[in-house]
């Protein structure tokens, strides 16, 4: 059962990236906020890495899903511009 949560994160990343490529409004909003999204991704990764032993499993999973969604924003924008 635990393995499927990580697949859910990958599906969330792919789904958000797909939505970004379909919506012009979402693409423009993501492009406008891209530096903040990238800094946020880095911050979430650092918080997870430094606090993984102190967080409850649910908090860690929530942060992972937030990270996966922001990664989908970045990947969708890269695919859109490519």
N, C-alpha and C. Protein backbone atom coordinates (compact mmCIF):
# COMPACT_ATOMS: atom_id res chain seq x y z
N UNK A 1 0.81 -1.19 0.00
CA UNK A 1 0.00 0.00 0.00
C UNK A 1 0.85 1.26 0.00
N UNK A 2 1.97 1.24 0.70
CA UNK A 2 2.82 2.42 0.80
C UNK A 2 3.42 2.80 -0.55
N UNK A 3 3.73 1.82 -1.36
CA UNK A 3 4.34 2.11 -2.65
C UNK A 3 3.42 2.92 -3.56
N UNK A 4 2.13 2.74 -3.42
CA UNK A 4 1.20 3.40 -4.32
C UNK A 4 1.05 4.89 -4.02
N UNK A 5 1.43 5.33 -2.81
CA UNK A 5 1.40 6.76 -2.52
C UNK A 5 2.41 7.51 -3.38
N UNK A 6 3.55 6.92 -3.60
CA UNK A 6 4.58 7.58 -4.42
C UNK A 6 4.13 7.63 -5.86
N UNK A 7 3.42 6.63 -6.32
CA UNK A 7 2.85 6.66 -7.66
C UNK A 7 1.82 7.78 -7.74
N UNK A 8 1.08 7.99 -6.67
CA UNK A 8 0.12 9.08 -6.62
C UNK A 8 0.80 10.43 -6.78
N UNK A 9 1.98 10.58 -6.21
CA UNK A 9 2.75 11.81 -6.38
C UNK A 9 3.18 12.00 -7.82
N UNK A 10 3.58 10.94 -8.46
CA UNK A 10 3.95 11.02 -9.87
C UNK A 10 2.75 11.35 -10.75
N UNK A 11 1.62 10.74 -10.43
CA UNK A 11 0.40 11.05 -11.18
C UNK A 11 -0.04 12.49 -10.97
N UNK A 12 0.13 12.99 -9.74
CA UNK A 12 -0.19 14.39 -9.47
C UNK A 12 0.71 15.33 -10.27
N UNK A 13 1.99 15.02 -10.34
CA UNK A 13 2.91 15.83 -11.14
C UNK A 13 2.51 15.81 -12.60
N UNK A 14 2.23 14.63 -13.13
CA UNK A 14 1.83 14.53 -14.54
C UNK A 14 0.51 15.23 -14.79
N UNK A 15 -0.44 15.11 -13.88
CA UNK A 15 -1.74 15.75 -14.06
C UNK A 15 -1.65 17.26 -14.05
N UNK A 16 -0.89 17.81 -13.12
CA UNK A 16 -0.72 19.27 -13.07
C UNK A 16 0.03 19.75 -14.31
N UNK A 17 1.05 19.03 -14.74
CA UNK A 17 1.78 19.42 -15.94
C UNK A 17 0.85 19.40 -17.16
N UNK A 18 -0.01 18.42 -17.24
CA UNK A 18 -0.96 18.32 -18.34
C UNK A 18 -1.93 19.50 -18.32
N UNK A 19 -2.42 19.86 -17.14
CA UNK A 19 -3.32 21.01 -17.03
C UNK A 19 -2.64 22.31 -17.42
N UNK A 20 -1.37 22.45 -17.08
CA UNK A 20 -0.64 23.66 -17.45
C UNK A 20 -0.50 23.76 -18.96
N UNK A 21 -0.24 22.64 -19.60
CA UNK A 21 -0.09 22.68 -21.06
C UNK A 21 -1.41 22.93 -21.78
N UNK A 22 -2.53 22.59 -21.16
CA UNK A 22 -3.83 22.81 -21.80
C UNK A 22 -4.37 24.22 -21.62
N UNK A 23 -4.09 24.84 -20.49
CA UNK A 23 -4.70 26.12 -20.14
C UNK A 23 -3.72 27.27 -20.37
N UNK A 24 -4.11 28.21 -21.21
CA UNK A 24 -3.28 29.38 -21.47
C UNK A 24 -3.20 30.26 -20.21
N UNK A 25 -4.30 30.36 -19.50
CA UNK A 25 -4.33 31.16 -18.28
C UNK A 25 -3.39 30.60 -17.22
N UNK A 26 -3.43 29.28 -17.05
CA UNK A 26 -2.55 28.65 -16.07
C UNK A 26 -1.09 28.74 -16.50
N UNK A 27 -0.83 28.65 -17.80
CA UNK A 27 0.52 28.80 -18.31
C UNK A 27 1.05 30.20 -18.03
N UNK A 28 0.24 31.21 -18.29
CA UNK A 28 0.67 32.59 -18.04
C UNK A 28 0.88 32.85 -16.55
N UNK A 29 0.00 32.34 -15.72
CA UNK A 29 0.14 32.53 -14.28
C UNK A 29 1.40 31.83 -13.76
N UNK A 30 1.66 30.63 -14.25
CA UNK A 30 2.85 29.90 -13.83
C UNK A 30 4.11 30.61 -14.30
N UNK A 31 4.09 31.12 -15.53
CA UNK A 31 5.26 31.84 -16.04
C UNK A 31 5.53 33.09 -15.23
N UNK A 32 4.49 33.75 -14.79
CA UNK A 32 4.64 34.96 -14.00
C UNK A 32 5.23 34.66 -12.62
N UNK A 33 4.84 33.54 -12.03
CA UNK A 33 5.27 33.19 -10.69
C UNK A 33 6.38 32.14 -10.66
N UNK A 34 7.02 31.86 -11.79
CA UNK A 34 8.01 30.78 -11.87
C UNK A 34 9.16 30.93 -10.87
N UNK A 35 9.77 32.11 -10.72
CA UNK A 35 10.85 32.19 -9.72
C UNK A 35 10.39 31.82 -8.31
N UNK A 36 9.19 32.25 -7.94
CA UNK A 36 8.66 31.92 -6.62
C UNK A 36 8.37 30.42 -6.51
N UNK A 37 7.88 29.81 -7.57
CA UNK A 37 7.61 28.37 -7.57
C UNK A 37 8.90 27.58 -7.40
N UNK A 38 9.96 27.99 -8.09
CA UNK A 38 11.23 27.28 -7.99
C UNK A 38 11.84 27.44 -6.60
N UNK A 39 11.78 28.65 -6.04
CA UNK A 39 12.27 28.86 -4.69
C UNK A 39 11.44 28.05 -3.69
N UNK A 40 10.14 27.98 -3.91
CA UNK A 40 9.28 27.18 -3.05
C UNK A 40 9.61 25.69 -3.12
N UNK A 41 9.91 25.21 -4.31
CA UNK A 41 10.30 23.80 -4.46
C UNK A 41 11.57 23.52 -3.67
N UNK A 42 12.53 24.41 -3.79
CA UNK A 42 13.78 24.23 -3.05
C UNK A 42 13.54 24.27 -1.55
N UNK A 43 12.69 25.20 -1.10
CA UNK A 43 12.40 25.31 0.32
C UNK A 43 11.70 24.06 0.85
N UNK A 44 10.73 23.54 0.09
CA UNK A 44 10.03 22.33 0.52
C UNK A 44 11.00 21.14 0.58
N UNK A 45 11.88 21.04 -0.41
CA UNK A 45 12.86 19.95 -0.40
C UNK A 45 13.79 20.04 0.80
N UNK A 46 14.21 21.26 1.15
CA UNK A 46 15.08 21.43 2.31
C UNK A 46 14.35 21.11 3.61
N UNK A 47 13.10 21.57 3.72
CA UNK A 47 12.31 21.29 4.93
C UNK A 47 12.10 19.78 5.08
N UNK A 48 11.79 19.11 3.99
CA UNK A 48 11.61 17.66 4.06
C UNK A 48 12.90 16.95 4.43
N UNK A 49 14.01 17.37 3.84
CA UNK A 49 15.28 16.71 4.10
C UNK A 49 15.74 16.92 5.54
N UNK A 50 15.56 18.13 6.05
CA UNK A 50 16.05 18.43 7.38
C UNK A 50 15.10 17.98 8.49
N UNK A 51 13.81 17.88 8.19
CA UNK A 51 12.87 17.56 9.25
C UNK A 51 12.16 16.24 9.10
N UNK A 52 12.66 15.37 8.26
CA UNK A 52 11.95 14.13 7.97
C UNK A 52 11.79 13.26 9.22
N UNK A 53 12.73 13.29 10.13
CA UNK A 53 12.64 12.47 11.34
C UNK A 53 11.71 13.08 12.38
N UNK A 54 11.42 14.37 12.28
CA UNK A 54 10.58 15.03 13.27
C UNK A 54 9.12 15.13 12.84
N UNK A 55 8.85 15.01 11.56
CA UNK A 55 7.47 15.15 11.07
C UNK A 55 6.71 13.84 11.21
N UNK A 56 5.40 13.98 11.35
CA UNK A 56 4.56 12.79 11.30
C UNK A 56 4.49 12.31 9.84
N UNK A 57 4.15 11.07 9.63
CA UNK A 57 4.06 10.57 8.25
C UNK A 57 3.06 11.35 7.40
N UNK A 58 1.97 11.81 7.98
CA UNK A 58 0.97 12.55 7.21
C UNK A 58 1.49 13.92 6.78
N UNK A 59 2.24 14.59 7.65
CA UNK A 59 2.82 15.88 7.28
C UNK A 59 3.84 15.69 6.17
N UNK A 60 4.66 14.66 6.28
CA UNK A 60 5.64 14.37 5.23
C UNK A 60 4.96 14.08 3.90
N UNK A 61 3.88 13.31 3.96
CA UNK A 61 3.15 12.99 2.74
C UNK A 61 2.51 14.23 2.13
N UNK A 62 1.95 15.09 2.96
CA UNK A 62 1.36 16.34 2.48
C UNK A 62 2.41 17.22 1.82
N UNK A 63 3.57 17.36 2.45
CA UNK A 63 4.65 18.15 1.84
C UNK A 63 5.12 17.54 0.53
N UNK A 64 5.16 16.22 0.48
CA UNK A 64 5.54 15.55 -0.77
C UNK A 64 4.54 15.85 -1.88
N UNK A 65 3.26 15.82 -1.57
CA UNK A 65 2.24 16.11 -2.59
C UNK A 65 2.28 17.58 -3.02
N UNK A 66 2.55 18.48 -2.10
CA UNK A 66 2.71 19.90 -2.48
C UNK A 66 3.92 20.06 -3.39
N UNK A 67 5.01 19.37 -3.04
CA UNK A 67 6.20 19.40 -3.89
C UNK A 67 5.90 18.81 -5.27
N UNK A 68 5.16 17.72 -5.31
CA UNK A 68 4.83 17.09 -6.59
C UNK A 68 3.97 18.02 -7.45
N UNK A 69 3.05 18.74 -6.83
CA UNK A 69 2.20 19.66 -7.58
C UNK A 69 3.02 20.83 -8.13
N UNK A 70 3.92 21.39 -7.32
CA UNK A 70 4.74 22.49 -7.82
C UNK A 70 5.71 22.02 -8.90
N UNK A 71 6.16 20.79 -8.79
CA UNK A 71 7.02 20.24 -9.84
C UNK A 71 6.22 20.08 -11.13
N UNK A 72 4.95 19.74 -11.02
CA UNK A 72 4.10 19.67 -12.21
C UNK A 72 3.94 21.02 -12.86
N UNK A 73 3.84 22.09 -12.06
CA UNK A 73 3.77 23.44 -12.64
C UNK A 73 5.03 23.74 -13.45
N UNK A 74 6.18 23.44 -12.88
CA UNK A 74 7.44 23.71 -13.57
C UNK A 74 7.60 22.87 -14.83
N UNK A 75 7.31 21.59 -14.72
CA UNK A 75 7.47 20.70 -15.88
C UNK A 75 6.47 21.07 -16.98
N UNK A 76 5.25 21.40 -16.59
CA UNK A 76 4.26 21.80 -17.59
C UNK A 76 4.68 23.05 -18.34
N UNK A 77 5.27 23.99 -17.63
CA UNK A 77 5.74 25.21 -18.28
C UNK A 77 6.91 24.92 -19.22
N UNK A 78 7.81 24.07 -18.78
CA UNK A 78 8.95 23.71 -19.64
C UNK A 78 8.46 23.00 -20.90
N UNK A 79 7.53 22.09 -20.75
CA UNK A 79 6.98 21.39 -21.93
C UNK A 79 6.24 22.36 -22.85
N UNK A 80 5.50 23.28 -22.25
CA UNK A 80 4.76 24.27 -23.05
C UNK A 80 5.69 25.13 -23.89
N UNK A 81 6.79 25.57 -23.31
CA UNK A 81 7.72 26.43 -24.03
C UNK A 81 8.64 25.66 -24.97
N UNK A 82 8.80 24.36 -24.73
CA UNK A 82 9.66 23.55 -25.58
C UNK A 82 8.95 23.29 -26.89
